[in-house]
C-alpha atoms as a PDB file:
ATOM      1  CA  MET A   1      -6.638  36.675  -2.256  1.00  0.00           C
ATOM      2  CA  ASN A   2      -6.234  33.357  -4.041  1.00  0.00           C
ATOM      3  CA  ILE A   3      -6.920  29.983  -2.500  1.00  0.00           C
ATOM      4  CA  VAL A   4      -4.986  26.975  -3.775  1.00  0.00           C
ATOM      5  CA  SER A   5      -4.809  23.391  -2.602  1.00  0.00           C
ATOM      6  CA  SER A   6      -1.680  21.397  -2.024  1.00  0.00           C
ATOM      7  CA  LEU A   7      -1.351  18.198  -4.016  1.00  0.00           C
ATOM      8  CA  SER A   8      -0.901  14.779  -2.451  1.00  0.00           C
ATOM      9  CA  ASN A   9       2.853  14.938  -3.109  1.00  0.00           C
ATOM     10  CA  GLY A  10       3.139  18.256  -1.230  1.00  0.00           C
ATOM     11  CA  ARG A  11       3.359  20.444  -4.318  1.00  0.00           C
ATOM     12  CA  THR A  12       1.469  23.690  -4.612  1.00  0.00           C
ATOM     13  CA  VAL A  13       0.885  25.803  -7.703  1.00  0.00           C
ATOM     14  CA  ILE A  14       1.713  29.488  -7.362  1.00  0.00           C
ATOM     15  CA  PRO A  15      -1.040  31.426  -9.150  1.00  0.00           C
ATOM     16  CA  ALA A  16       0.024  33.220 -12.331  1.00  0.00           C
ATOM     17  CA  ILE A  17      -0.904  36.642 -10.949  1.00  0.00           C
ATOM     18  CA  PHE A  18       1.673  36.258  -8.166  1.00  0.00           C
ATOM     19  CA  ARG A  19       4.329  34.877 -10.517  1.00  0.00           C
ATOM     20  CA  GLN A  20       3.809  37.926 -12.726  1.00  0.00           C
ATOM     21  CA  GLN A  21       3.915  40.374  -9.809  1.00  0.00           C
ATOM     22  CA  LEU A  22       7.204  38.837  -8.637  1.00  0.00           C
ATOM     23  CA  SER A  23       8.628  38.632 -12.195  1.00  0.00           C
ATOM     24  CA  MET A  24       9.231  34.934 -11.618  1.00  0.00           C
ATOM     25  CA  GLN A  25      10.746  32.855 -14.406  1.00  0.00           C
ATOM     26  CA  ASP A  26      10.923  29.093 -14.856  1.00  0.00           C
ATOM     27  CA  GLY A  27      13.675  27.714 -12.650  1.00  0.00           C
ATOM     28  CA  ASP A  28      13.785  30.672 -10.234  1.00  0.00           C
ATOM     29  CA  GLN A  29      14.672  29.634  -6.710  1.00  0.00           C
ATOM     30  CA  LEU A  30      12.278  30.501  -3.920  1.00  0.00           C
ATOM     31  CA  ILE A  31      12.931  30.839  -0.215  1.00  0.00           C
ATOM     32  CA  TRP A  32      10.279  29.282   2.016  1.00  0.00           C
ATOM     33  CA  SER A  33      10.020  30.020   5.721  1.00  0.00           C
ATOM     34  CA  ALA A  34       7.450  29.709   8.482  1.00  0.00           C
ATOM     35  CA  ARG A  35       6.825  32.815  10.600  1.00  0.00           C
ATOM     36  CA  ASP A  36       4.196  33.168  13.279  1.00  0.00           C
ATOM     37  CA  GLY A  37       2.180  30.250  11.924  1.00  0.00           C
ATOM     38  CA  GLU A  38       2.249  31.495   8.332  1.00  0.00           C
ATOM     39  CA  LEU A  39       4.141  30.261   5.303  1.00  0.00           C
ATOM     40  CA  VAL A  40       6.197  33.011   3.680  1.00  0.00           C
ATOM     41  CA  VAL A  41       7.590  32.578   0.169  1.00  0.00           C
ATOM     42  CA  THR A  42      10.063  35.083  -1.263  1.00  0.00           C
ATOM     43  CA  THR A  43      12.313  35.163  -4.282  1.00  0.00           C
ATOM     44  CA  ARG A  44      16.081  35.156  -3.987  1.00  0.00           C
ATOM     45  CA  HIS A  45      16.056  38.542  -5.716  1.00  0.00           C
ATOM     46  CA  ALA A  46      13.757  39.998  -3.043  1.00  0.00           C
ATOM     47  CA  GLN A  47      15.912  38.559  -0.256  1.00  0.00           C
ATOM     48  CA  LEU A  48      19.056  39.991  -1.870  1.00  0.00           C
ATOM     49  CA  ALA A  49      17.444  43.431  -2.176  1.00  0.00           C
ATOM     50  CA  ARG A  50      16.386  43.262   1.485  1.00  0.00           C
ATOM     51  CA  ALA A  51      19.914  42.304   2.578  1.00  0.00           C
ATOM     52  CA  GLN A  52      21.472  45.071   0.471  1.00  0.00           C
ATOM     53  CA  ALA A  53      19.123  47.640   2.015  1.00  0.00           C
ATOM     54  CA  LEU A  54      19.998  46.396   5.494  1.00  0.00           C
ATOM     55  CA  PHE A  55      23.746  46.667   4.910  1.00  0.00           C
ATOM     56  CA  GLN A  56      23.352  50.007   3.137  1.00  0.00           C
ATOM     57  CA  SER A  57      21.741  51.397   6.287  1.00  0.00           C
ATOM     58  CA  PHE A  58      25.045  50.785   8.114  1.00  0.00           C
ATOM     59  CA  ALA A  59      27.245  52.367   5.425  1.00  0.00           C
ATOM     60  CA  PRO A  60      28.613  55.811   6.192  1.00  0.00           C
ATOM     61  CA  GLN A  61      26.810  58.521   4.249  1.00  0.00           C
ATOM     62  CA  ASN A  62      28.652  60.740   1.755  1.00  0.00           C
ATOM     63  CA  SER A  63      31.739  58.552   1.690  1.00  0.00           C
ATOM     64  CA  PRO A  64      33.278  56.601  -1.166  1.00  0.00           C
ATOM     65  CA  SER A  65      32.234  52.995  -1.462  1.00  0.00           C
ATOM     66  CA  ALA A  66      34.570  50.248  -0.319  1.00  0.00           C
ATOM     67  CA  ALA A  67      34.835  49.114  -3.946  1.00  0.00           C
ATOM     68  CA  ASP A  68      35.879  52.609  -5.072  1.00  0.00           C
ATOM     69  CA  GLU A  69      38.476  52.780  -2.296  1.00  0.00           C
ATOM     70  CA  LEU A  70      39.889  49.378  -3.263  1.00  0.00           C
ATOM     71  CA  ILE A  71      40.096  50.343  -6.938  1.00  0.00           C
ATOM     72  CA  ALA A  72      41.879  53.593  -6.055  1.00  0.00           C
ATOM     73  CA  GLU A  73      44.361  51.721  -3.839  1.00  0.00           C
ATOM     74  CA  ARG A  74      45.065  49.157  -6.571  1.00  0.00           C
ATOM     75  CA  ARG A  75      45.583  51.880  -9.177  1.00  0.00           C
ATOM     76  CA  ALA A  76      47.946  53.753  -6.854  1.00  0.00           C
ATOM     77  CA  ALA A  77      49.904  50.555  -6.207  1.00  0.00           C
ATOM     78  CA  ALA A  78      50.104  49.822  -9.939  1.00  0.00           C
ATOM     79  CA  ASP A  79      51.311  53.367 -10.661  1.00  0.00           C
ATOM     80  CA  SER A  80      54.086  53.067  -8.077  1.00  0.00           C
ATOM     81  CA  GLU A  81      55.449  49.838  -9.594  1.00  0.00           C
END
């Protein structure tokens, strides 16, 4: 656990150990939200991974991806021209 103080202008420094654990780079965008009285900070990369996992759970198993199907359709259409 690390304890930090917020500055008078509302800024807060994220401790280096957390920046390293999250592989944060200068300029990375963070997503801030309040949940159940707590401040939650996540990276855009973490949010994207969470969203991908959520949508993947709805994808049919053992079936070609939508991208693969689209590519196959486009190739078939190009071959017939």
